[in-house]
Amino acid sequence: MQPTADFDPAHLARSLLRRSRQGALATLMAGSGDPYCSLVNLASHPDGSPILLISRLALHTKNILADSRVSLMLDERAEGDPLEGARIMLAGRAEEIADVERELAERRYLAAHPSAEAFVEFRDFSFFLIRPGGAHLVAGFGRIVDLKPAQFLTDLGGADALLEAEPGAVAHMNEDHREAMNLYATRLLGADSADWLCTGCDPDGMDMQAGRATLRLDFRERVSNGTELRKMLVRLAGEARAKG
């Protein structure tokens, strides 16, 4: 199905990945291969891949260590009939995050789930990354699309400078520019006024959160370093103020 003016499958899939904080994780039972489903919290890697913090004592983790094939369902949590909301089913493999990327995974996960800080130090808990091999998007009658990773993941090529600047940029936005965050949410995204926080930035946009509510602010064009990010956020703040 080709994108239309009111339906862009790739954009919707990317938005669901970035905004979701919980999902249904399906693994294969070690030994029997029977399907097993569990509820997990998640955050997103800069490329959009889901990050999990799970215990080796949990059955789903034991299953992953025996067979890394998984699927993950994420949905909009729409009011009313949940089947009327969009949802995405990812299929891929879960792998434990190496020490070299642990700091990034921990920072992004705790930004999304601050209450999980205590679990990070538990020896049986580890961060896992789901590397999607594909996705199945259901967004209503006649809007069912299979997508390849390149269509819904963010290309991080050439963005090393941005990833290096991201921790400082997130802290700066949350410490000094909460007013701008609220303007993005209310005037550009149509959300209610709240204590919106930045939880992460990537070349394509910024993730925002207020309590259990989440938003995705798409950039007008790709950014690849801290200077471009700053200019984009200033530009978007100007657009938001102009709308007022």
C-alpha atoms as a PDB file:
ATOM      1  CA  MET A   1       0.000   0.000   0.000  1.00  0.00           C
ATOM      2  CA  GLN A   2       1.335   3.417  -1.015  1.00  0.00           C
ATOM      3  CA  PRO A   3       1.289   6.356   1.441  1.00  0.00           C
ATOM      4  CA  THR A   4      -1.597   8.787   1.027  1.00  0.00           C
ATOM      5  CA  ALA A   5      -2.263  12.270   2.330  1.00  0.00           C
ATOM      6  CA  ASP A   6      -3.883  10.862   5.479  1.00  0.00           C
ATOM      7  CA  PHE A   7      -1.965   7.598   5.879  1.00  0.00           C
ATOM      8  CA  ASP A   8       1.795   7.151   5.874  1.00  0.00           C
ATOM      9  CA  PRO A   9       2.519   3.592   7.111  1.00  0.00           C
ATOM     10  CA  ALA A  10       6.242   4.122   7.691  1.00  0.00           C
ATOM     11  CA  HIS A  11       5.691   7.333   9.645  1.00  0.00           C
ATOM     12  CA  LEU A  12       2.983   5.725  11.800  1.00  0.00           C
ATOM     13  CA  ALA A  13       5.209   2.727  12.526  1.00  0.00           C
ATOM     14  CA  ARG A  14       8.105   4.979  13.536  1.00  0.00           C
ATOM     15  CA  SER A  15       5.806   7.004  15.776  1.00  0.00           C
ATOM     16  CA  LEU A  16       4.472   3.891  17.528  1.00  0.00           C
ATOM     17  CA  LEU A  17       8.006   2.636  18.126  1.00  0.00           C
ATOM     18  CA  ARG A  18       9.123   5.934  19.640  1.00  0.00           C
ATOM     19  CA  ARG A  19       6.033   6.558  21.780  1.00  0.00           C
ATOM     20  CA  SER A  20       5.439   3.065  23.174  1.00  0.00           C
ATOM     21  CA  ARG A  21       6.497   2.337  26.757  1.00  0.00           C
ATOM     22  CA  GLN A  22       4.928  -1.126  27.148  1.00  0.00           C
ATOM     23  CA  GLY A  23       4.392  -4.043  24.808  1.00  0.00           C
ATOM     24  CA  ALA A  24       3.489  -7.722  24.589  1.00  0.00           C
ATOM     25  CA  LEU A  25       6.643  -9.796  24.106  1.00  0.00           C
ATOM     26  CA  ALA A  26       6.349 -13.248  22.553  1.00  0.00           C
ATOM     27  CA  THR A  27       9.184 -15.743  22.986  1.00  0.00           C
ATOM     28  CA  LEU A  28       9.617 -19.472  22.374  1.00  0.00           C
ATOM     29  CA  MET A  29       9.657 -21.798  25.370  1.00  0.00           C
ATOM     30  CA  ALA A  30      13.047 -23.399  25.802  1.00  0.00           C
ATOM     31  CA  GLY A  31      12.816 -27.108  25.015  1.00  0.00           C
ATOM     32  CA  SER A  32       9.258 -27.306  23.706  1.00  0.00           C
ATOM     33  CA  GLY A  33       9.185 -24.279  21.402  1.00  0.00           C
ATOM     34  CA  ASP A  34       5.700 -23.406  22.592  1.00  0.00           C
ATOM     35  CA  PRO A  35       4.767 -19.700  22.336  1.00  0.00           C
ATOM     36  CA  TYR A  36       4.970 -17.646  25.520  1.00  0.00           C
ATOM     37  CA  CYS A  37       3.746 -14.067  25.889  1.00  0.00           C
ATOM     38  CA  SER A  38       4.568 -11.526  28.598  1.00  0.00           C
ATOM     39  CA  LEU A  39       4.161  -7.815  29.280  1.00  0.00           C
ATOM     40  CA  VAL A  40       7.370  -5.765  29.205  1.00  0.00           C
ATOM     41  CA  ASN A  41       8.421  -2.139  29.573  1.00  0.00           C
ATOM     42  CA  LEU A  42      10.559  -0.693  26.820  1.00  0.00           C
ATOM     43  CA  ALA A  43      12.373   2.355  25.562  1.00  0.00           C
ATOM     44  CA  SER A  44      13.859   3.122  22.159  1.00  0.00           C
ATOM     45  CA  HIS A  45      17.412   3.040  20.867  1.00  0.00           C
ATOM     46  CA  PRO A  46      18.377   6.125  18.803  1.00  0.00           C
ATOM     47  CA  ASP A  47      17.553   4.105  15.688  1.00  0.00           C
ATOM     48  CA  GLY A  48      14.129   3.214  17.090  1.00  0.00           C
ATOM     49  CA  SER A  49      14.829  -0.431  18.011  1.00  0.00           C
ATOM     50  CA  PRO A  50      13.195  -1.446  21.316  1.00  0.00           C
ATOM     51  CA  ILE A  51      15.344  -1.624  24.456  1.00  0.00           C
ATOM     52  CA  LEU A  52      14.294  -3.980  27.273  1.00  0.00           C
ATOM     53  CA  LEU A  53      15.532  -4.278  30.849  1.00  0.00           C
ATOM     54  CA  ILE A  54      14.767  -7.847  31.917  1.00  0.00           C
ATOM     55  CA  SER A  55      15.817 -10.298  34.596  1.00  0.00           C
ATOM     56  CA  ARG A  56      17.567 -13.588  33.872  1.00  0.00           C
ATOM     57  CA  LEU A  57      15.208 -15.118  36.436  1.00  0.00           C
ATOM     58  CA  ALA A  58      12.226 -14.310  34.197  1.00  0.00           C
ATOM     59  CA  LEU A  59      10.930 -17.006  31.886  1.00  0.00           C
ATOM     60  CA  HIS A  60      10.997 -14.746  28.826  1.00  0.00           C
ATOM     61  CA  THR A  61      14.709 -14.052  29.381  1.00  0.00           C
ATOM     62  CA  LYS A  62      15.498 -17.751  29.702  1.00  0.00           C
ATOM     63  CA  ASN A  63      13.615 -18.305  26.464  1.00  0.00           C
ATOM     64  CA  ILE A  64      15.566 -15.550  24.687  1.00  0.00           C
ATOM     65  CA  LEU A  65      18.898 -16.953  25.833  1.00  0.00           C
ATOM     66  CA  ALA A  66      17.906 -20.329  24.359  1.00  0.00           C
ATOM     67  CA  ASP A  67      16.372 -18.928  21.145  1.00  0.00           C
ATOM     68  CA  SER A  68      16.678 -15.231  20.337  1.00  0.00           C
ATOM     69  CA  ARG A  69      13.659 -15.114  17.999  1.00  0.00           C
ATOM     70  CA  VAL A  70      10.937 -12.850  19.389  1.00  0.00           C
ATOM     71  CA  SER A  71       7.969 -10.781  18.372  1.00  0.00           C
ATOM     72  CA  LEU A  72       6.707  -7.633  20.044  1.00  0.00           C
ATOM     73  CA  MET A  73       3.285  -6.016  19.726  1.00  0.00           C
ATOM     74  CA  LEU A  74       2.859  -2.297  20.383  1.00  0.00           C
ATOM     75  CA  ASP A  75      -0.417  -0.392  20.194  1.00  0.00           C
ATOM     76  CA  GLU A  76      -1.727   3.149  20.481  1.00  0.00           C
ATOM     77  CA  ARG A  77      -3.709   2.458  23.679  1.00  0.00           C
ATOM     78  CA  ALA A  78      -6.612   4.261  22.020  1.00  0.00           C
ATOM     79  CA  GLU A  79      -9.712   4.991  24.060  1.00  0.00           C
ATOM     80  CA  GLY A  80     -12.789   2.888  23.367  1.00  0.00           C
ATOM     81  CA  ASP A  81     -12.370  -0.228  21.260  1.00  0.00           C
ATOM     82  CA  PRO A  82      -8.616  -0.985  21.254  1.00  0.00           C
ATOM     83  CA  LEU A  83      -8.999  -2.791  17.929  1.00  0.00           C
ATOM     84  CA  GLU A  84      -9.799   0.553  16.307  1.00  0.00           C
ATOM     85  CA  GLY A  85      -6.353   1.896  17.201  1.00  0.00           C
ATOM     86  CA  ALA A  86      -3.147   1.321  15.263  1.00  0.00           C
ATOM     87  CA  ARG A  87      -0.756  -1.432  16.317  1.00  0.00           C
ATOM     88  CA  ILE A  88       2.496  -2.825  15.057  1.00  0.00           C
ATOM     89  CA  MET A  89       3.910  -6.328  15.376  1.00  0.00           C
ATOM     90  CA  LEU A  90       7.695  -6.537  15.184  1.00  0.00           C
ATOM     91  CA  ALA A  91       9.504  -9.773  14.403  1.00  0.00           C
ATOM     92  CA  GLY A  92      13.217 -10.069  15.059  1.00  0.00           C
ATOM     93  CA  ARG A  93      15.899 -11.234  17.435  1.00  0.00           C
ATOM     94  CA  ALA A  94      16.682 -10.077  20.960  1.00  0.00           C
ATOM     95  CA  GLU A  95      20.317  -9.758  21.952  1.00  0.00           C
ATOM     96  CA  GLU A  96      22.003  -8.671  25.142  1.00  0.00           C
ATOM     97  CA  ILE A  97      23.492  -5.207  24.832  1.00  0.00           C
ATOM     98  CA  ALA A  98      27.278  -5.174  25.011  1.00  0.00           C
ATOM     99  CA  ASP A  99      29.091  -3.154  27.657  1.00  0.00           C
ATOM    100  CA  VAL A 100      30.189  -0.588  25.062  1.00  0.00           C
ATOM    101  CA  GLU A 101      26.537   0.425  24.484  1.00  0.00           C
ATOM    102  CA  ARG A 102      25.246  -0.156  27.990  1.00  0.00           C
ATOM    103  CA  GLU A 103      25.569   3.507  29.020  1.00  0.00           C
ATOM    104  CA  LEU A 104      23.429   4.610  26.076  1.00  0.00           C
ATOM    105  CA  ALA A 105      20.817   1.915  26.741  1.00  0.00           C
ATOM    106  CA  GLU A 106      20.682   2.720  30.459  1.00  0.00           C
ATOM    107  CA  ARG A 107      20.349   6.455  29.880  1.00  0.00           C
ATOM    108  CA  ARG A 108      17.534   6.137  27.358  1.00  0.00           C
ATOM    109  CA  TYR A 109      15.687   3.453  29.311  1.00  0.00           C
ATOM    110  CA  LEU A 110      15.776   5.369  32.587  1.00  0.00           C
ATOM    111  CA  ALA A 111      14.646   8.540  30.836  1.00  0.00           C
ATOM    112  CA  ALA A 112      11.518   6.621  29.856  1.00  0.00           C
ATOM    113  CA  HIS A 113      11.211   4.636  33.110  1.00  0.00           C
ATOM    114  CA  PRO A 114      12.820   6.572  36.003  1.00  0.00           C
ATOM    115  CA  SER A 115      11.369   4.156  38.567  1.00  0.00           C
ATOM    116  CA  ALA A 116      13.500   1.340  37.119  1.00  0.00           C
ATOM    117  CA  GLU A 117      16.729   2.854  38.425  1.00  0.00           C
ATOM    118  CA  ALA A 118      16.938   0.385  41.313  1.00  0.00           C
ATOM    119  CA  PHE A 119      16.758  -2.606  38.974  1.00  0.00           C
ATOM    120  CA  VAL A 120      19.746  -1.461  36.919  1.00  0.00           C
ATOM    121  CA  GLU A 121      22.128  -2.436  39.713  1.00  0.00           C
ATOM    122  CA  PHE A 122      20.618  -5.888  40.260  1.00  0.00           C
ATOM    123  CA  ARG A 123      23.039  -8.519  38.968  1.00  0.00           C
ATOM    124  CA  ASP A 124      20.315 -10.576  37.313  1.00  0.00           C
ATOM    125  CA  PHE A 125      18.997  -7.666  35.209  1.00  0.00           C
ATOM    126  CA  SER A 126      20.420  -6.901  31.775  1.00  0.00           C
ATOM    127  CA  PHE A 127      19.565  -4.675  28.843  1.00  0.00           C
ATOM    128  CA  PHE A 128      18.461  -6.356  25.633  1.00  0.00           C
ATOM    129  CA  LEU A 129      17.928  -4.858  22.193  1.00  0.00           C
ATOM    130  CA  ILE A 130      15.359  -6.211  19.759  1.00  0.00           C
ATOM    131  CA  ARG A 131      16.739  -6.033  16.232  1.00  0.00           C
ATOM    132  CA  PRO A 132      13.657  -6.090  13.994  1.00  0.00           C
ATOM    133  CA  GLY A 133      13.647  -8.145  10.824  1.00  0.00           C
ATOM    134  CA  GLY A 134      10.277  -6.743   9.758  1.00  0.00           C
ATOM    135  CA  ALA A 135       6.999  -5.315  10.971  1.00  0.00           C
ATOM    136  CA  HIS A 136       3.287  -5.839  10.357  1.00  0.00           C
ATOM    137  CA  LEU A 137       1.236  -2.662  10.779  1.00  0.00           C
ATOM    138  CA  VAL A 138      -2.529  -2.706  11.303  1.00  0.00           C
ATOM    139  CA  ALA A 139      -4.108   0.748  11.257  1.00  0.00           C
ATOM    140  CA  GLY A 140      -7.759   0.063  10.508  1.00  0.00           C
ATOM    141  CA  PHE A 141      -9.852  -1.444   7.728  1.00  0.00           C
ATOM    142  CA  GLY A 142      -7.842  -1.725   4.529  1.00  0.00           C
ATOM    143  CA  ARG A 143      -4.758  -0.313   6.209  1.00  0.00           C
ATOM    144  CA  ILE A 144      -2.610  -3.380   6.797  1.00  0.00           C
ATOM    145  CA  VAL A 145       0.997  -3.117   5.652  1.00  0.00           C
ATOM    146  CA  ASP A 146       4.179  -5.165   5.964  1.00  0.00           C
ATOM    147  CA  LEU A 147       7.270  -3.008   6.413  1.00  0.00           C
ATOM    148  CA  LYS A 148      11.006  -3.595   6.169  1.00  0.00           C
ATOM    149  CA  PRO A 149      13.385  -2.266   8.863  1.00  0.00           C
ATOM    150  CA  ALA A 150      14.723   0.445   6.555  1.00  0.00           C
ATOM    151  CA  GLN A 151      11.198   1.892   6.390  1.00  0.00           C
ATOM    152  CA  PHE A 152      10.679   2.361  10.134  1.00  0.00           C
ATOM    153  CA  LEU A 153      14.141   2.516  11.715  1.00  0.00           C
ATOM    154  CA  THR A 154      16.242   5.680  11.744  1.00  0.00           C
ATOM    155  CA  ASP A 155      19.480   5.639   9.762  1.00  0.00           C
ATOM    156  CA  LEU A 156      22.261   6.698  12.139  1.00  0.00           C
ATOM    157  CA  GLY A 157      24.901   6.942   9.444  1.00  0.00           C
ATOM    158  CA  GLY A 158      26.880  10.172   9.746  1.00  0.00           C
ATOM    159  CA  ALA A 159      25.184  11.075  13.033  1.00  0.00           C
ATOM    160  CA  ASP A 160      27.969  10.178  15.480  1.00  0.00           C
ATOM    161  CA  ALA A 161      28.344  13.826  16.494  1.00  0.00           C
ATOM    162  CA  LEU A 162      24.651  14.044  17.314  1.00  0.00           C
ATOM    163  CA  LEU A 163      24.714  10.874  19.423  1.00  0.00           C
ATOM    164  CA  GLU A 164      27.695  12.261  21.315  1.00  0.00           C
ATOM    165  CA  ALA A 165      25.873  15.537  21.946  1.00  0.00           C
ATOM    166  CA  GLU A 166      22.537  13.939  22.842  1.00  0.00           C
ATOM    167  CA  PRO A 167      23.018  13.484  26.632  1.00  0.00           C
ATOM    168  CA  GLY A 168      23.960  17.124  27.089  1.00  0.00           C
ATOM    169  CA  ALA A 169      21.183  18.313  24.795  1.00  0.00           C
ATOM    170  CA  VAL A 170      18.540  16.320  26.685  1.00  0.00           C
ATOM    171  CA  ALA A 171      19.766  17.624  30.036  1.00  0.00           C
ATOM    172  CA  HIS A 172      19.877  21.190  28.705  1.00  0.00           C
ATOM    173  CA  MET A 173      16.314  21.036  27.373  1.00  0.00           C
ATOM    174  CA  ASN A 174      14.984  19.632  30.630  1.00  0.00           C
ATOM    175  CA  GLU A 175      16.889  22.018  32.879  1.00  0.00           C
ATOM    176  CA  ASP A 176      16.598  25.279  30.926  1.00  0.00           C
ATOM    177  CA  HIS A 177      13.871  25.011  28.298  1.00  0.00           C
ATOM    178  CA  ARG A 178      10.791  23.456  29.866  1.00  0.00           C
ATOM    179  CA  GLU A 179       8.694  26.301  28.471  1.00  0.00           C
ATOM    180  CA  ALA A 180       9.796  25.394  24.950  1.00  0.00           C
ATOM    181  CA  MET A 181       8.990  21.741  25.609  1.00  0.00           C
ATOM    182  CA  ASN A 182       5.462  22.701  26.613  1.00  0.00           C
ATOM    183  CA  LEU A 183       5.118  24.868  23.501  1.00  0.00           C
ATOM    184  CA  TYR A 184       6.170  21.977  21.260  1.00  0.00           C
ATOM    185  CA  ALA A 185       3.620  19.730  22.940  1.00  0.00           C
ATOM    186  CA  THR A 186       0.657  22.096  23.014  1.00  0.00           C
ATOM    187  CA  ARG A 187       1.042  24.198  19.877  1.00  0.00           C
ATOM    188  CA  LEU A 188       2.801  21.854  17.460  1.00  0.00           C
ATOM    189  CA  LEU A 189       1.412  18.493  18.604  1.00  0.00           C
ATOM    190  CA  GLY A 190      -1.953  19.447  20.059  1.00  0.00           C
ATOM    191  CA  ALA A 191      -1.334  17.908  23.472  1.00  0.00           C
ATOM    192  CA  ASP A 192      -2.462  19.199  26.843  1.00  0.00           C
ATOM    193  CA  SER A 193      -0.215  21.466  28.854  1.00  0.00           C
ATOM    194  CA  ALA A 194       1.894  19.405  31.282  1.00  0.00           C
ATOM    195  CA  ASP A 195       5.412  19.028  32.646  1.00  0.00           C
ATOM    196  CA  TRP A 196       6.846  17.712  29.382  1.00  0.00           C
ATOM    197  CA  LEU A 197      10.373  16.315  29.422  1.00  0.00           C
ATOM    198  CA  CYS A 198      12.765  15.366  26.658  1.00  0.00           C
ATOM    199  CA  THR A 199      13.686  11.673  26.820  1.00  0.00           C
ATOM    200  CA  GLY A 200      15.843  11.453  23.710  1.00  0.00           C
ATOM    201  CA  CYS A 201      16.904  12.972  20.397  1.00  0.00           C
ATOM    202  CA  ASP A 202      17.894  11.358  17.110  1.00  0.00           C
ATOM    203  CA  PRO A 203      18.409  12.565  13.536  1.00  0.00           C
ATOM    204  CA  ASP A 204      14.674  12.457  12.772  1.00  0.00           C
ATOM    205  CA  GLY A 205      13.081  13.914  15.892  1.00  0.00           C
ATOM    206  CA  MET A 206      12.726  14.258  19.643  1.00  0.00           C
ATOM    207  CA  ASP A 207      10.865  12.045  22.136  1.00  0.00           C
ATOM    208  CA  MET A 208       8.836  13.724  24.891  1.00  0.00           C
ATOM    209  CA  GLN A 209       7.104  12.423  27.990  1.00  0.00           C
ATOM    210  CA  ALA A 210       4.866  13.731  30.781  1.00  0.00           C
ATOM    211  CA  GLY A 211       3.971  11.036  33.274  1.00  0.00           C
ATOM    212  CA  ARG A 212       2.561   8.176  31.204  1.00  0.00           C
ATOM    213  CA  ALA A 213       1.832  10.349  28.163  1.00  0.00           C
ATOM    214  CA  THR A 214       4.344  10.320  25.303  1.00  0.00           C
ATOM    215  CA  LEU A 215       4.846  12.383  22.152  1.00  0.00           C
ATOM    216  CA  ARG A 216       7.053  12.330  19.105  1.00  0.00           C
ATOM    217  CA  LEU A 217       8.205  15.660  17.649  1.00  0.00           C
ATOM    218  CA  ASP A 218       9.378  15.165  14.066  1.00  0.00           C
ATOM    219  CA  PHE A 219      12.084  17.468  12.753  1.00  0.00           C
ATOM    220  CA  ARG A 220      11.558  19.376   9.511  1.00  0.00           C
ATOM    221  CA  GLU A 221      14.711  17.801   8.124  1.00  0.00           C
ATOM    222  CA  ARG A 222      17.403  15.427   9.325  1.00  0.00           C
ATOM    223  CA  VAL A 223      19.992  16.705  11.823  1.00  0.00           C
ATOM    224  CA  SER A 224      23.392  15.113  12.302  1.00  0.00           C
ATOM    225  CA  ASN A 225      25.213  17.103  15.012  1.00  0.00           C
ATOM    226  CA  GLY A 226      24.634  19.257  18.057  1.00  0.00           C
ATOM    227  CA  THR A 227      24.681  22.552  16.166  1.00  0.00           C
ATOM    228  CA  GLU A 228      22.029  21.387  13.716  1.00  0.00           C
ATOM    229  CA  LEU A 229      19.948  20.052  16.602  1.00  0.00           C
ATOM    230  CA  ARG A 230      20.086  23.383  18.448  1.00  0.00           C
ATOM    231  CA  LYS A 231      19.071  25.304  15.312  1.00  0.00           C
ATOM    232  CA  MET A 232      16.184  22.937  14.673  1.00  0.00           C
ATOM    233  CA  LEU A 233      14.857  23.226  18.223  1.00  0.00           C
ATOM    234  CA  VAL A 234      15.099  27.025  18.083  1.00  0.00           C
ATOM    235  CA  ARG A 235      13.264  26.979  14.755  1.00  0.00           C
ATOM    236  CA  LEU A 236      10.505  24.750  16.113  1.00  0.00           C
ATOM    237  CA  ALA A 237      10.151  26.931  19.207  1.00  0.00           C
ATOM    238  CA  GLY A 238       9.716  29.936  16.930  1.00  0.00           C
ATOM    239  CA  GLU A 239       7.029  28.105  14.943  1.00  0.00           C
ATOM    240  CA  ALA A 240       5.248  27.174  18.176  1.00  0.00           C
ATOM    241  CA  ARG A 241       5.289  30.730  19.491  1.00  0.00           C
ATOM    242  CA  ALA A 242       4.014  32.032  16.147  1.00  0.00           C
ATOM    243  CA  LYS A 243       1.020  29.725  16.447  1.00  0.00           C
ATOM    244  CA  GLY A 244       0.088  31.424  19.700  1.00  0.00           C
END
